[in-house]
Amino acid sequence: MGVIYLDQNFVSDVAGGTRVADADVERARATEIVKAGDYRFAVSVWNMYETARAEREDTREGCIEFISDVVPIYCVNPRLVQVQEIVRYAASNHPDEPYRLEEIRPFCDTPAQMWATYTSPDSQATPLVGESFRDGVEMFARSDLRVELDDALDDGPAAADAGRQAFAAGVVERDEQLIDRQWLLELLPERHQANGKFVDLRRREALVDFLLQQIEDVYCHCPTLHAEEQIYRHRIAGQRKLRRSDGVDIQFGVLAIAHCDVIVTSDKALREMLGVVGEKIGSPCRVLSRLTDV
């Protein structure tokens, strides 16, 4: 069964308070797809966040009802999928074998399961059994988490501009190995997943050396990792003025372009970027503007 990711701007276009001319046609097509059973729709935590930020109450209600009606699956934390990919590659190809083979699971069935993938010692999200998409939207509407995300996304364009300046000055190319080394090291768990035994820094650094020596093969086997690398390169090499919403696009785009069969978005710039990234990473995912094109 295929997976169709619904970008929130498309959802708002067809279900919000101010709808596009073909909204009814698109909604009817969504119903047909659900009934046919050839695809499942997918959304992410970012659909909840952006729905909560909608200024109009009828837009929030319309988006909640539309997403609930298509009975979606949920994208897990992309960082977790990157860890699963890199650990699986290391366990399959390095003689040290400090980790067990990980099953790659980019999607889950419920919001509760999705929230569980975002827990960490620094940021704990409590997964509530039976939690709905509506519950997630209401949580964002009343919690400090939305404010924290707002602040981080507001800083995004300035951070991207700094990255572009570093790219133009040749700093990114000069320090590419150092940047990749730190990135990979942060992804390798400090403990074995099953027995909890500590994997010391020396062993993890040896694994990073191994991964860097064959980074192209690593990317072939770790599509979510490769997608982030290519999105980063696309952003810093481009000239388009970046917006705060671009930060949201990166968060869901990394996983969606690597593991979905179709992405539907009304954002032309996002379609163009994900089309380029998809081609670079060898993804068969189609990036479309309308469900009627599926």
Protein backbone atom coordinates (compact mmCIF):
# COMPACT_ATOMS: atom_id res chain seq x y z
CA MET A 1 0.00 0.00 0.00
CA GLY A 2 1.31 3.43 -0.95
CA VAL A 3 1.62 6.46 1.32
CA ILE A 4 0.53 10.02 0.44
CA TYR A 5 1.84 12.83 2.64
CA LEU A 6 -0.51 15.80 2.96
CA ASP A 7 1.31 19.10 3.40
CA GLN A 8 -0.65 21.46 5.64
CA ASN A 9 -0.93 24.23 3.05
CA PHE A 10 -2.82 21.80 0.80
CA VAL A 11 -5.05 20.74 3.71
CA SER A 12 -5.82 24.39 4.49
CA ASP A 13 -6.56 25.10 0.82
CA VAL A 14 -9.20 22.39 0.60
CA ALA A 15 -10.57 22.37 4.15
CA GLY A 16 -9.89 25.79 5.65
CA GLY A 17 -12.18 28.77 6.07
CA THR A 18 -11.09 30.22 2.72
CA ARG A 19 -10.97 27.39 0.19
CA VAL A 20 -9.61 27.13 -3.34
CA ALA A 21 -12.00 26.78 -6.29
CA ASP A 22 -11.43 23.04 -6.70
CA ALA A 23 -11.67 22.23 -2.96
CA ASP A 24 -14.79 20.06 -3.36
CA VAL A 25 -13.16 18.08 -6.17
CA GLU A 26 -10.05 17.48 -4.09
CA ARG A 27 -12.04 16.46 -1.03
CA ALA A 28 -14.07 14.04 -3.13
CA ARG A 29 -10.84 12.57 -4.49
CA ALA A 30 -9.54 12.13 -0.94
CA THR A 31 -12.68 10.17 -0.08
CA GLU A 32 -12.21 7.99 -3.18
CA ILE A 33 -8.61 7.24 -2.23
CA VAL A 34 -9.61 6.21 1.29
CA LYS A 35 -12.33 3.90 -0.04
CA ALA A 36 -10.09 2.35 -2.72
CA GLY A 37 -7.49 1.34 -0.15
CA ASP A 38 -4.48 1.57 -2.47
CA TYR A 39 -2.95 4.40 -0.43
CA ARG A 40 -2.87 5.59 3.17
CA PHE A 41 -2.68 9.28 3.90
CA ALA A 42 0.08 10.46 6.24
CA VAL A 43 0.44 13.59 8.34
CA SER A 44 2.94 14.70 10.95
CA VAL A 45 3.28 16.68 14.15
CA TRP A 46 3.77 19.72 11.91
CA ASN A 47 0.20 19.45 10.60
CA MET A 48 -0.93 19.76 14.22
CA TYR A 49 1.37 22.70 14.85
CA GLU A 50 0.31 24.63 11.76
CA THR A 51 -3.38 23.90 12.33
CA ALA A 52 -3.03 25.31 15.85
CA ARG A 53 -1.47 28.48 14.42
CA ALA A 54 -4.36 29.16 12.03
CA GLU A 55 -5.92 32.53 12.76
CA ARG A 56 -9.46 31.50 11.82
CA GLU A 57 -11.45 29.10 13.95
CA ASP A 58 -13.26 27.69 10.91
CA THR A 59 -9.88 26.91 9.34
CA ARG A 60 -8.75 25.02 12.43
CA GLU A 61 -12.02 23.08 12.62
CA GLY A 62 -12.08 22.36 8.90
CA CYS A 63 -8.51 21.05 8.88
CA ILE A 64 -9.10 18.88 11.96
CA GLU A 65 -12.24 17.37 10.45
CA PHE A 66 -10.64 16.74 7.06
CA ILE A 67 -7.55 15.04 8.50
CA SER A 68 -9.63 12.99 10.92
CA ASP A 69 -11.92 11.86 8.08
CA VAL A 70 -9.05 10.49 5.96
CA VAL A 71 -7.86 8.36 8.93
CA PRO A 72 -4.13 9.03 8.46
CA ILE A 73 -1.04 7.31 9.67
CA TYR A 74 1.54 9.50 11.39
CA CYS A 75 5.16 10.26 10.53
CA VAL A 76 7.52 9.51 13.39
CA ASN A 77 10.37 11.78 14.44
CA PRO A 78 12.72 11.93 11.39
CA ARG A 79 15.70 11.92 13.75
CA LEU A 80 14.64 8.51 15.05
CA VAL A 81 14.42 7.13 11.50
CA GLN A 82 17.91 8.48 10.74
CA VAL A 83 19.22 6.70 13.83
CA GLN A 84 17.50 3.48 12.76
CA GLU A 85 19.01 3.75 9.29
CA ILE A 86 22.57 4.50 10.40
CA VAL A 87 22.50 1.87 13.16
CA ARG A 88 21.19 -0.73 10.72
CA TYR A 89 23.96 0.11 8.26
CA ALA A 90 26.64 -0.05 10.96
CA ALA A 91 25.32 -3.33 12.36
CA SER A 92 25.18 -4.87 8.88
CA ASN A 93 28.56 -3.74 7.59
CA HIS A 94 31.04 -3.12 10.43
CA PRO A 95 32.80 -6.07 12.13
CA ASP A 96 32.59 -4.45 15.58
CA GLU A 97 28.78 -4.81 15.60
CA PRO A 98 28.07 -2.62 18.65
CA TYR A 99 24.37 -2.39 17.75
CA ARG A 100 21.59 -4.76 16.80
CA LEU A 101 19.85 -4.56 13.43
CA GLU A 102 17.08 -1.95 13.53
CA GLU A 103 13.82 -2.22 11.63
CA ILE A 104 13.12 1.02 9.79
CA ARG A 105 9.71 2.32 10.89
CA PRO A 106 8.93 5.75 9.43
CA PHE A 107 5.20 5.66 10.25
CA CYS A 108 2.94 4.73 13.13
CA ASP A 109 -0.79 4.30 13.57
CA THR A 110 -1.67 6.78 16.31
CA PRO A 111 -0.70 10.23 17.59
CA ALA A 112 0.26 8.62 20.90
CA GLN A 113 2.84 6.44 19.14
CA MET A 114 4.10 9.47 17.21
CA TRP A 115 4.53 11.56 20.35
CA ALA A 116 6.52 8.73 21.95
CA THR A 117 9.20 9.13 19.27
CA TYR A 118 9.80 12.74 20.33
CA THR A 119 10.57 12.04 23.98
CA SER A 120 14.03 12.86 25.30
CA PRO A 121 15.57 13.77 28.67
CA ASP A 122 15.43 17.44 27.66
CA SER A 123 12.00 17.48 26.06
CA GLN A 124 9.39 15.03 27.27
CA ALA A 125 6.15 14.62 25.37
CA THR A 126 3.71 12.38 27.21
CA PRO A 127 2.04 9.90 24.83
CA LEU A 128 -1.63 9.59 25.79
CA VAL A 129 -3.36 6.40 24.68
CA GLY A 130 -6.26 7.24 22.37
CA GLU A 131 -4.97 10.76 21.73
CA SER A 132 -6.46 12.21 18.56
CA PHE A 133 -5.29 14.70 15.95
CA ARG A 134 -7.62 17.22 17.57
CA ASP A 135 -5.97 16.63 20.95
CA GLY A 136 -2.58 17.39 19.42
CA VAL A 137 -3.84 20.64 17.90
CA GLU A 138 -5.38 21.71 21.20
CA MET A 139 -2.15 20.88 23.03
CA PHE A 140 -0.18 23.16 20.70
CA ALA A 141 -2.80 25.90 21.07
CA ARG A 142 -2.48 26.05 24.86
CA SER A 143 1.10 24.92 25.61
CA ASP A 144 4.47 26.64 25.77
CA LEU A 145 5.80 24.15 23.19
CA ARG A 146 4.21 26.11 20.35
CA VAL A 147 5.81 29.32 21.61
CA GLU A 148 9.21 27.62 21.74
CA LEU A 149 8.78 26.33 18.19
CA ASP A 150 7.61 29.77 17.03
CA ASP A 151 10.80 31.33 18.42
CA ALA A 152 13.04 28.68 16.85
CA LEU A 153 11.38 29.02 13.45
CA ASP A 154 11.56 32.82 13.63
CA ASP A 155 15.34 32.47 13.93
CA GLY A 156 15.51 30.06 10.98
CA PRO A 157 15.93 32.51 8.07
CA ALA A 158 18.83 34.29 9.80
CA ALA A 159 20.54 30.96 10.52
CA ALA A 160 20.06 29.93 6.88
CA ASP A 161 21.57 33.21 5.69
CA ALA A 162 24.61 32.53 7.88
CA GLY A 163 24.89 29.11 6.27
CA ARG A 164 24.73 30.67 2.81
CA GLN A 165 27.50 33.09 3.71
CA ALA A 166 29.64 30.22 4.97
CA PHE A 167 28.92 28.28 1.78
CA ALA A 168 29.83 31.25 -0.42
CA ALA A 169 33.07 31.73 1.51
CA GLY A 170 34.04 28.08 1.00
CA VAL A 171 33.79 27.25 4.70
CA VAL A 172 31.26 24.43 4.19
CA GLU A 173 33.41 22.72 1.56
CA ARG A 174 36.54 23.20 3.67
CA ASP A 175 34.98 21.77 6.82
CA GLU A 176 32.73 19.17 5.19
CA GLN A 177 34.45 16.20 6.84
CA LEU A 178 34.29 17.86 10.24
CA ILE A 179 30.60 18.73 9.80
CA ASP A 180 29.72 15.20 8.65
CA ARG A 181 31.75 13.64 11.46
CA GLN A 182 29.90 15.56 14.15
CA TRP A 183 26.54 14.84 12.53
CA LEU A 184 27.13 11.09 12.35
CA LEU A 185 28.56 10.94 15.85
CA GLU A 186 25.41 12.56 17.24
CA LEU A 187 23.27 9.94 15.49
CA LEU A 188 25.10 6.90 16.88
CA PRO A 189 23.52 5.84 20.20
CA GLU A 190 25.70 5.77 23.30
CA ARG A 191 24.11 2.49 24.41
CA HIS A 192 23.16 -0.81 22.82
CA GLN A 193 19.41 -0.81 22.17
CA ALA A 194 18.73 -4.22 23.77
CA ASN A 195 21.16 -4.75 26.64
CA GLY A 196 21.87 -1.11 27.50
CA LYS A 197 25.63 -1.62 27.46
CA PHE A 198 27.59 1.59 26.96
CA VAL A 199 29.23 2.06 23.54
CA ASP A 200 32.23 4.20 24.40
CA LEU A 201 33.35 7.22 22.40
CA ARG A 202 36.37 5.41 20.92
CA ARG A 203 34.17 2.73 19.35
CA ARG A 204 31.68 5.27 18.04
CA GLU A 205 34.44 7.40 16.54
CA ALA A 206 35.84 4.29 14.83
CA LEU A 207 32.39 3.67 13.39
CA VAL A 208 32.19 7.26 12.15
CA ASP A 209 35.58 6.82 10.42
CA PHE A 210 34.20 3.70 8.76
CA LEU A 211 31.02 5.47 7.66
CA LEU A 212 32.87 8.48 6.25
CA GLN A 213 35.11 6.22 4.16
CA GLN A 214 32.05 4.97 2.27
CA ILE A 215 29.63 7.81 2.74
CA GLU A 216 28.08 7.42 -0.73
CA ASP A 217 27.10 3.83 0.07
CA VAL A 218 25.81 4.97 3.44
CA TYR A 219 23.56 7.49 1.69
CA CYS A 220 22.28 4.79 -0.68
CA HIS A 221 21.13 2.73 2.30
CA CYS A 222 20.02 5.63 4.53
CA PRO A 223 17.55 7.71 2.48
CA THR A 224 16.33 9.92 5.35
CA LEU A 225 19.92 10.79 6.16
CA HIS A 226 20.64 11.50 2.50
CA ALA A 227 17.49 13.61 2.18
CA GLU A 228 18.58 15.93 5.00
CA GLU A 229 22.04 16.28 3.49
CA GLN A 230 20.60 17.20 0.09
CA ILE A 231 17.97 19.57 1.50
CA TYR A 232 20.71 21.35 3.45
CA ARG A 233 22.83 21.69 0.31
CA HIS A 234 19.87 22.91 -1.71
CA ARG A 235 19.00 25.56 0.86
CA ILE A 236 22.47 27.02 1.31
CA ALA A 237 23.26 26.99 -2.42
CA GLY A 238 19.97 28.66 -3.39
CA GLN A 239 19.11 32.32 -3.76
CA ARG A 240 15.42 32.32 -2.88
CA LYS A 241 14.58 34.42 0.16
CA LEU A 242 13.80 31.99 2.95
CA ARG A 243 10.75 32.24 5.22
CA ARG A 244 10.03 30.88 8.68
CA SER A 245 7.75 28.26 7.11
CA ASP A 246 10.76 26.80 5.32
CA GLY A 247 11.89 25.44 8.67
CA VAL A 248 8.67 23.45 8.95
CA ASP A 249 9.07 22.18 5.38
CA ILE A 250 12.49 20.75 6.21
CA GLN A 251 11.20 18.97 9.30
CA PHE A 252 8.57 16.90 7.50
CA GLY A 253 10.20 16.92 4.05
CA VAL A 254 13.24 14.92 5.17
CA LEU A 255 11.12 11.89 6.01
CA ALA A 256 8.37 12.33 3.44
CA ILE A 257 10.62 12.51 0.37
CA ALA A 258 12.54 9.44 1.57
CA HIS A 259 9.63 7.17 2.53
CA CYS A 260 6.36 8.37 0.96
CA ASP A 261 5.14 7.50 -2.51
CA VAL A 262 3.45 10.87 -3.04
CA ILE A 263 3.68 14.31 -1.43
CA VAL A 264 0.85 16.74 -2.10
CA THR A 265 1.66 20.40 -1.48
CA SER A 266 0.36 23.72 -2.79
CA ASP A 267 3.79 25.32 -2.27
CA LYS A 268 5.49 25.63 -5.66
CA ALA A 269 8.94 26.34 -4.20
CA LEU A 270 8.65 23.29 -1.94
CA ARG A 271 7.59 21.10 -4.87
CA GLU A 272 10.60 22.26 -6.84
CA MET A 273 13.01 21.65 -3.97
CA LEU A 274 11.65 18.22 -3.07
CA GLY A 275 11.64 17.26 -6.76
CA VAL A 276 15.35 18.07 -6.98
CA VAL A 277 16.13 16.33 -3.69
CA GLY A 278 14.11 13.28 -4.64
CA GLU A 279 16.06 12.92 -7.87
CA LYS A 280 19.38 13.34 -6.02
CA ILE A 281 18.61 10.60 -3.49
CA GLY A 282 16.97 8.28 -6.02
CA SER A 283 13.52 8.46 -4.43
CA PRO A 284 10.52 7.37 -6.52
CA CYS A 285 8.29 9.78 -4.55
CA ARG A 286 6.13 12.03 -6.74
CA VAL A 287 5.62 15.62 -5.58
CA LEU A 288 2.23 16.90 -6.76
CA SER A 289 -0.01 19.92 -6.24
CA ARG A 290 -3.34 18.06 -6.33
CA LEU A 291 -4.80 14.70 -5.31
CA THR A 292 -6.56 14.48 -8.65
CA ASP A 293 -3.09 13.93 -10.17
CA VAL A 294 -2.51 10.80 -8.10
